[in-house]
Protein backbone atom coordinates (compact mmCIF):
# COMPACT_ATOMS: atom_id res chain seq x y z
CA UNK A 1 -20.42 -14.62 -66.49
CA UNK A 2 -23.09 -17.23 -65.75
CA UNK A 3 -21.40 -20.60 -65.36
CA UNK A 4 -22.82 -23.98 -64.39
CA UNK A 5 -20.97 -25.90 -61.68
CA UNK A 6 -20.14 -29.60 -61.51
CA UNK A 7 -22.74 -31.30 -59.33
CA UNK A 8 -22.80 -35.05 -60.04
CA UNK A 9 -19.47 -36.57 -61.01
CA UNK A 10 -20.81 -39.52 -62.97
CA UNK A 11 -19.53 -39.55 -66.52
CA UNK A 12 -22.44 -40.70 -68.70
CA UNK A 13 -21.92 -41.54 -72.34
CA UNK A 14 -25.13 -39.69 -73.19
CA UNK A 15 -26.70 -38.09 -70.13
CA UNK A 16 -30.32 -37.03 -70.67
CA UNK A 17 -33.85 -36.84 -69.27
CA UNK A 18 -33.32 -34.96 -65.97
CA UNK A 19 -36.46 -34.96 -63.84
CA UNK A 20 -36.93 -33.61 -60.30
CA UNK A 21 -39.36 -35.74 -58.26
CA UNK A 22 -39.86 -36.31 -54.54
CA UNK A 23 -36.76 -34.30 -53.64
CA UNK A 24 -34.45 -36.25 -55.94
CA UNK A 25 -32.98 -35.81 -59.39
CA UNK A 26 -33.68 -38.66 -61.79
CA UNK A 27 -31.66 -38.78 -65.00
CA UNK A 28 -30.50 -41.34 -67.52
CA UNK A 29 -27.58 -42.44 -69.65
CA UNK A 30 -29.21 -43.27 -72.97
CA UNK A 31 -26.36 -45.22 -74.52
CA UNK A 32 -25.14 -46.63 -71.21
CA UNK A 33 -28.61 -48.00 -70.45
CA UNK A 34 -28.76 -46.62 -66.90
CA UNK A 35 -31.16 -44.80 -64.61
CA UNK A 36 -29.43 -42.55 -62.07
CA UNK A 37 -31.04 -41.14 -58.93
CA UNK A 38 -29.30 -38.33 -57.03
CA UNK A 39 -30.32 -37.22 -53.53
CA UNK A 40 -28.86 -33.77 -52.82
CA UNK A 41 -29.62 -34.10 -49.11
CA UNK A 42 -26.89 -36.68 -48.53
CA UNK A 43 -25.18 -36.44 -51.94
CA UNK A 44 -25.92 -40.10 -52.60
CA UNK A 45 -26.23 -41.56 -56.08
CA UNK A 46 -27.94 -44.79 -57.05
CA UNK A 47 -27.65 -46.35 -60.49
CA UNK A 48 -29.72 -49.05 -62.18
CA UNK A 49 -28.76 -50.92 -65.34
CA UNK A 50 -31.84 -51.41 -67.51
CA UNK A 51 -30.13 -53.76 -69.94
CA UNK A 52 -30.70 -51.74 -73.12
CA UNK A 53 -30.74 -48.18 -74.39
CA UNK A 54 -33.22 -45.93 -72.61
CA UNK A 55 -34.96 -42.86 -74.03
CA UNK A 56 -36.39 -41.01 -71.04
CA UNK A 57 -37.93 -41.28 -67.57
CA UNK A 58 -40.89 -39.56 -65.90
CA UNK A 59 -42.87 -39.94 -62.66
CA UNK A 60 -46.02 -42.02 -62.46
CA UNK A 61 -48.99 -40.69 -60.50
CA UNK A 62 -49.66 -44.04 -58.81
CA UNK A 63 -46.02 -44.47 -57.79
CA UNK A 64 -42.78 -45.42 -59.44
CA UNK A 65 -41.68 -44.14 -62.83
CA UNK A 66 -42.54 -44.65 -66.47
CA UNK A 67 -39.63 -45.14 -68.85
CA UNK A 68 -39.22 -45.35 -72.59
CA UNK A 69 -36.70 -48.07 -73.33
CA UNK A 70 -35.09 -48.57 -76.72
CA UNK A 71 -38.34 -49.62 -78.40
CA UNK A 72 -40.95 -50.15 -75.69
CA UNK A 73 -42.73 -48.48 -72.81
CA UNK A 74 -42.13 -49.83 -69.30
CA UNK A 75 -42.72 -49.12 -65.63
CA UNK A 76 -39.74 -48.84 -63.27
CA UNK A 77 -39.73 -49.49 -59.51
CA UNK A 78 -36.74 -47.81 -57.92
CA UNK A 79 -37.18 -49.73 -54.65
CA UNK A 80 -36.51 -53.05 -56.37
CA UNK A 81 -35.06 -52.04 -59.73
CA UNK A 82 -37.82 -54.06 -61.39
CA UNK A 83 -38.80 -53.19 -64.95
CA UNK A 84 -42.18 -54.15 -66.38
CA UNK A 85 -42.45 -53.71 -70.14
CA UNK A 86 -46.04 -53.27 -71.23
CA UNK A 87 -46.08 -51.95 -74.80
CA UNK A 88 -43.61 -52.54 -77.66
CA UNK A 89 -43.20 -49.85 -80.31
CA UNK A 90 -41.93 -49.52 -83.88
CA UNK A 91 -41.34 -53.24 -84.44
CA UNK A 92 -41.12 -52.46 -88.15
CA UNK A 93 -38.27 -49.97 -87.59
CA UNK A 94 -35.41 -51.95 -85.99
CA UNK A 95 -32.92 -49.13 -86.61
CA UNK A 96 -34.94 -46.67 -84.51
CA UNK A 97 -34.95 -45.97 -80.78
CA UNK A 98 -36.88 -43.79 -78.36
CA UNK A 99 -35.36 -40.42 -77.47
CA UNK A 100 -36.56 -37.90 -74.89
CA UNK A 101 -40.03 -37.38 -73.53
CA UNK A 102 -42.13 -35.91 -70.72
CA UNK A 103 -45.59 -35.96 -69.25
CA UNK A 104 -48.10 -33.28 -70.15
CA UNK A 105 -49.95 -31.40 -67.38
CA UNK A 106 -53.07 -33.59 -67.57
CA UNK A 107 -51.08 -36.82 -67.36
CA UNK A 108 -50.24 -38.13 -70.82
CA UNK A 109 -46.74 -39.42 -71.61
CA UNK A 110 -45.11 -37.93 -74.69
CA UNK A 111 -42.04 -39.49 -76.27
CA UNK A 112 -40.44 -39.39 -79.69
CA UNK A 113 -38.26 -41.70 -81.71
CA UNK A 114 -35.28 -41.33 -84.02
CA UNK A 115 -33.04 -43.40 -86.23
CA UNK A 116 -29.88 -44.51 -84.39
CA UNK A 117 -27.68 -43.17 -87.17
CA UNK A 118 -29.56 -39.86 -87.42
CA UNK A 119 -29.40 -40.04 -91.21
CA UNK A 120 -33.04 -40.20 -92.27
CA UNK A 121 -36.28 -38.73 -90.99
CA UNK A 122 -37.80 -41.98 -89.77
CA UNK A 123 -38.69 -40.77 -86.28
CA UNK A 124 -42.13 -39.93 -84.93
CA UNK A 125 -43.66 -38.17 -81.95
CA UNK A 126 -46.11 -40.26 -79.93
CA UNK A 127 -48.52 -39.63 -77.10
CA UNK A 128 -49.32 -42.45 -74.68
CA UNK A 129 -52.72 -41.96 -73.06
CA UNK A 130 -53.53 -43.11 -69.51
CA UNK A 131 -55.49 -46.06 -70.95
CA UNK A 132 -52.23 -47.14 -72.70
CA UNK A 133 -53.48 -46.35 -76.18
CA UNK A 134 -50.94 -44.57 -78.41
CA UNK A 135 -51.39 -41.91 -81.06
CA UNK A 136 -48.85 -40.60 -83.54
CA UNK A 137 -48.73 -36.81 -83.49
CA UNK A 138 -45.83 -36.13 -85.85
CA UNK A 139 -43.96 -38.15 -88.48
CA UNK A 140 -40.86 -37.49 -90.56
CA UNK A 141 -38.76 -36.50 -87.55
CA UNK A 142 -34.96 -36.64 -87.64
CA UNK A 143 -34.14 -36.38 -83.91
CA UNK A 144 -37.20 -36.10 -81.67
CA UNK A 145 -36.12 -34.10 -78.66
CA UNK A 146 -37.07 -31.61 -75.96
CA UNK A 147 -40.58 -30.59 -75.00
CA UNK A 148 -42.32 -28.38 -72.46
CA UNK A 149 -45.79 -27.04 -71.65
CA UNK A 150 -46.90 -23.66 -70.42
CA UNK A 151 -48.33 -23.50 -66.91
CA UNK A 152 -51.89 -23.20 -68.24
CA UNK A 153 -51.37 -26.32 -70.38
CA UNK A 154 -52.53 -24.59 -73.56
CA UNK A 155 -49.19 -24.44 -75.41
CA UNK A 156 -46.68 -27.21 -76.06
CA UNK A 157 -43.10 -26.58 -77.18
CA UNK A 158 -41.15 -29.21 -79.08
CA UNK A 159 -37.97 -29.58 -81.07
CA UNK A 160 -36.80 -31.85 -83.83
CA UNK A 161 -33.10 -31.11 -83.33
CA UNK A 162 -32.33 -31.44 -87.02
CA UNK A 163 -34.39 -28.34 -87.78
CA UNK A 164 -32.37 -26.12 -85.38
CA UNK A 165 -35.63 -24.63 -84.15
CA UNK A 166 -38.16 -24.85 -81.32
CA UNK A 167 -41.79 -24.99 -82.42
CA UNK A 168 -44.91 -24.14 -80.47
CA UNK A 169 -48.30 -25.84 -80.83
CA UNK A 170 -51.75 -25.14 -79.51
CA UNK A 171 -52.42 -27.96 -77.06
CA UNK A 172 -55.81 -29.48 -76.29
CA UNK A 173 -55.71 -31.18 -72.86
CA UNK A 174 -59.06 -32.82 -73.51
CA UNK A 175 -57.72 -35.13 -76.22
CA UNK A 176 -53.96 -34.52 -76.30
CA UNK A 177 -54.01 -33.09 -79.82
CA UNK A 178 -51.52 -30.52 -81.09
CA UNK A 179 -52.21 -27.99 -83.85
CA UNK A 180 -51.20 -24.63 -85.31
CA UNK A 181 -47.43 -25.16 -85.42
CA UNK A 182 -45.25 -22.05 -85.46
CA UNK A 183 -41.54 -21.48 -84.87
CA UNK A 184 -40.63 -19.56 -81.71
CA UNK A 185 -36.83 -20.05 -81.52
CA UNK A 186 -34.46 -20.39 -84.46
CA UNK A 187 -30.81 -21.23 -83.80
CA UNK A 188 -28.04 -20.09 -86.10
CA UNK A 189 -25.13 -22.11 -87.44
CA UNK A 190 -22.92 -21.27 -84.47
CA UNK A 191 -25.54 -22.01 -81.84
CA UNK A 192 -25.40 -25.80 -81.88
CA UNK A 193 -28.59 -27.87 -82.01
CA UNK A 194 -31.66 -27.51 -79.79
CA UNK A 195 -31.91 -30.42 -77.37
CA UNK A 196 -33.75 -30.89 -74.08
CA UNK A 197 -35.67 -27.96 -72.61
CA UNK A 198 -37.70 -26.79 -69.65
CA UNK A 199 -39.86 -23.79 -68.81
CA UNK A 200 -40.02 -21.40 -65.86
CA UNK A 201 -42.90 -19.72 -64.05
CA UNK A 202 -42.50 -16.63 -66.24
CA UNK A 203 -43.09 -18.75 -69.34
CA UNK A 204 -39.50 -18.50 -70.55
CA UNK A 205 -37.80 -21.50 -72.19
CA UNK A 206 -34.44 -22.83 -70.99
CA UNK A 207 -32.84 -24.71 -73.86
CA UNK A 208 -29.83 -27.04 -73.86
CA UNK A 209 -27.80 -26.38 -77.01
CA UNK A 210 -25.88 -29.46 -78.11
CA UNK A 211 -22.45 -28.55 -79.43
CA UNK A 212 -22.54 -24.97 -78.13
CA UNK A 213 -21.28 -25.35 -74.52
CA UNK A 214 -24.36 -23.74 -73.04
CA UNK A 215 -27.96 -23.61 -71.90
CA UNK A 216 -29.84 -20.45 -72.86
CA UNK A 217 -33.03 -18.77 -71.67
CA UNK A 218 -35.38 -17.51 -74.38
CA UNK A 219 -38.58 -15.53 -74.58
CA UNK A 220 -40.79 -17.69 -76.84
CA UNK A 221 -43.02 -14.71 -77.63
CA UNK A 222 -40.17 -12.83 -79.32
CA UNK A 223 -37.45 -15.45 -79.89
CA UNK A 224 -35.02 -13.22 -77.96
CA UNK A 225 -32.20 -14.84 -76.01
CA UNK A 226 -32.35 -13.49 -72.47
CA UNK A 227 -29.47 -15.31 -70.79
CA UNK A 228 -26.63 -17.69 -71.56
CA UNK A 229 -25.32 -20.17 -69.00
CA UNK A 230 -21.90 -21.55 -69.89
CA UNK A 231 -21.46 -25.29 -69.39
CA UNK A 232 -17.96 -26.90 -69.16
CA UNK A 233 -18.93 -29.51 -71.77
CA UNK A 234 -19.74 -28.98 -75.43
CA UNK A 235 -22.73 -31.31 -75.48
CA UNK A 236 -25.31 -30.03 -73.02
CA UNK A 237 -28.26 -32.33 -73.62
CA UNK A 238 -31.15 -31.39 -71.33
CA UNK A 239 -32.13 -29.35 -68.29
CA UNK A 240 -34.74 -29.22 -65.54
CA UNK A 241 -35.51 -27.21 -62.43
CA UNK A 242 -35.03 -28.82 -59.04
CA UNK A 243 -34.17 -28.14 -55.44
CA UNK A 244 -36.51 -27.24 -52.57
CA UNK A 245 -37.61 -24.03 -54.31
CA UNK A 246 -37.36 -25.33 -57.89
CA UNK A 247 -34.81 -22.61 -58.63
CA UNK A 248 -31.76 -24.75 -59.37
CA UNK A 249 -31.26 -25.66 -63.01
CA UNK A 250 -29.78 -29.15 -63.42
CA UNK A 251 -28.03 -29.80 -66.74
CA UNK A 252 -27.09 -33.18 -68.24
CA UNK A 253 -24.22 -33.54 -70.71
CA UNK A 254 -22.62 -36.19 -72.91
CA UNK A 255 -19.23 -37.69 -73.71
CA UNK A 256 -20.38 -39.20 -76.99
CA UNK A 257 -18.74 -37.83 -80.15
CA UNK A 258 -15.91 -36.14 -78.26
CA UNK A 259 -12.28 -36.98 -79.02
CA UNK A 260 -10.07 -38.70 -76.46
CA UNK A 261 -7.84 -35.63 -76.53
CA UNK A 262 -10.75 -33.42 -75.53
CA UNK A 263 -11.94 -35.86 -72.86
CA UNK A 264 -8.52 -35.87 -71.25
CA UNK A 265 -8.31 -32.09 -71.48
CA UNK A 266 -10.84 -29.29 -71.30
CA UNK A 267 -13.83 -31.67 -71.46
CA UNK A 268 -12.72 -34.03 -68.72
CA UNK A 269 -16.09 -33.55 -66.97
CA UNK A 270 -18.20 -34.18 -70.07
CA UNK A 271 -21.04 -36.57 -69.27
CA UNK A 272 -21.47 -35.23 -65.74
CA UNK A 273 -24.42 -33.27 -64.38
CA UNK A 274 -23.99 -29.56 -63.74
CA UNK A 275 -26.19 -27.03 -61.95
CA UNK A 276 -26.89 -23.31 -61.95
CA UNK A 277 -28.78 -21.30 -59.30
CA UNK A 278 -31.32 -19.12 -61.10
CA UNK A 279 -33.34 -16.06 -60.12
CA UNK A 280 -36.56 -17.73 -61.20
CA UNK A 281 -38.45 -20.96 -60.55
CA UNK A 282 -39.56 -23.87 -62.67
CA UNK A 283 -42.67 -25.99 -62.69
CA UNK A 284 -42.97 -29.28 -60.82
CA UNK A 285 -42.69 -32.37 -63.03
CA UNK A 286 -46.00 -33.62 -64.38
CA UNK A 287 -46.92 -37.27 -63.78
CA UNK A 288 -48.28 -40.06 -65.95
CA UNK A 289 -51.87 -40.89 -64.94
CA UNK A 290 -51.85 -44.40 -66.38
């Protein structure tokens, strides 16, 4: 049996957005409004309260991090904890928030939105260019979630969790456009919902499956599930490769929507970060060039 082990004993309400950068694991608590930074060398953990919900975090090429807050883009300086908002979003949709995002290989920042209540398809998928201009790439999204790019940068994977599928797009690094959507992974009723994802050097997708107690490895060319990693929390939310050799899979989880009985019992570690040593390697995190 492949089982993830408890690694960071911080119980987030909605852990998400794991990102390995400069030898540390960055991750967030969306509903708790926190950025967490874990250094495996000395097992230290630093936490920063950003004062509102936060959607995701990614490294910035010029230093520091870029974050998507509840409804704006901002830069984050971990040395001081300073947050500089520079672009508000979706002012006409006060019931929406940002949710999950990453940088593409050539340095654009992708992030999607969703309605807080997850009842209507009012979310969109946006791309923020290095010059800070924004383009909408998809509309009518229920829960904008995980994304990943192939090593050659020509294919982008993305999931709207409400569809229970992972879609692939042809990706144009020259202009950041996506086209030719096709489904590569389709989850069944008992497989939970597709959430955050990452990709390994062999081009296989590692997908966190919300509600299914697992992260699974898939071949996007065939849709075949290659491996299942059991997670001791029902709501695995995202995953990324880290460690010196980029062969350790870090997995965020959530305590949200779990009963008190469960939290005091078999899901007592829900919200923590788990890890699993793999036989493959991931790609280094891409950085925002703006």
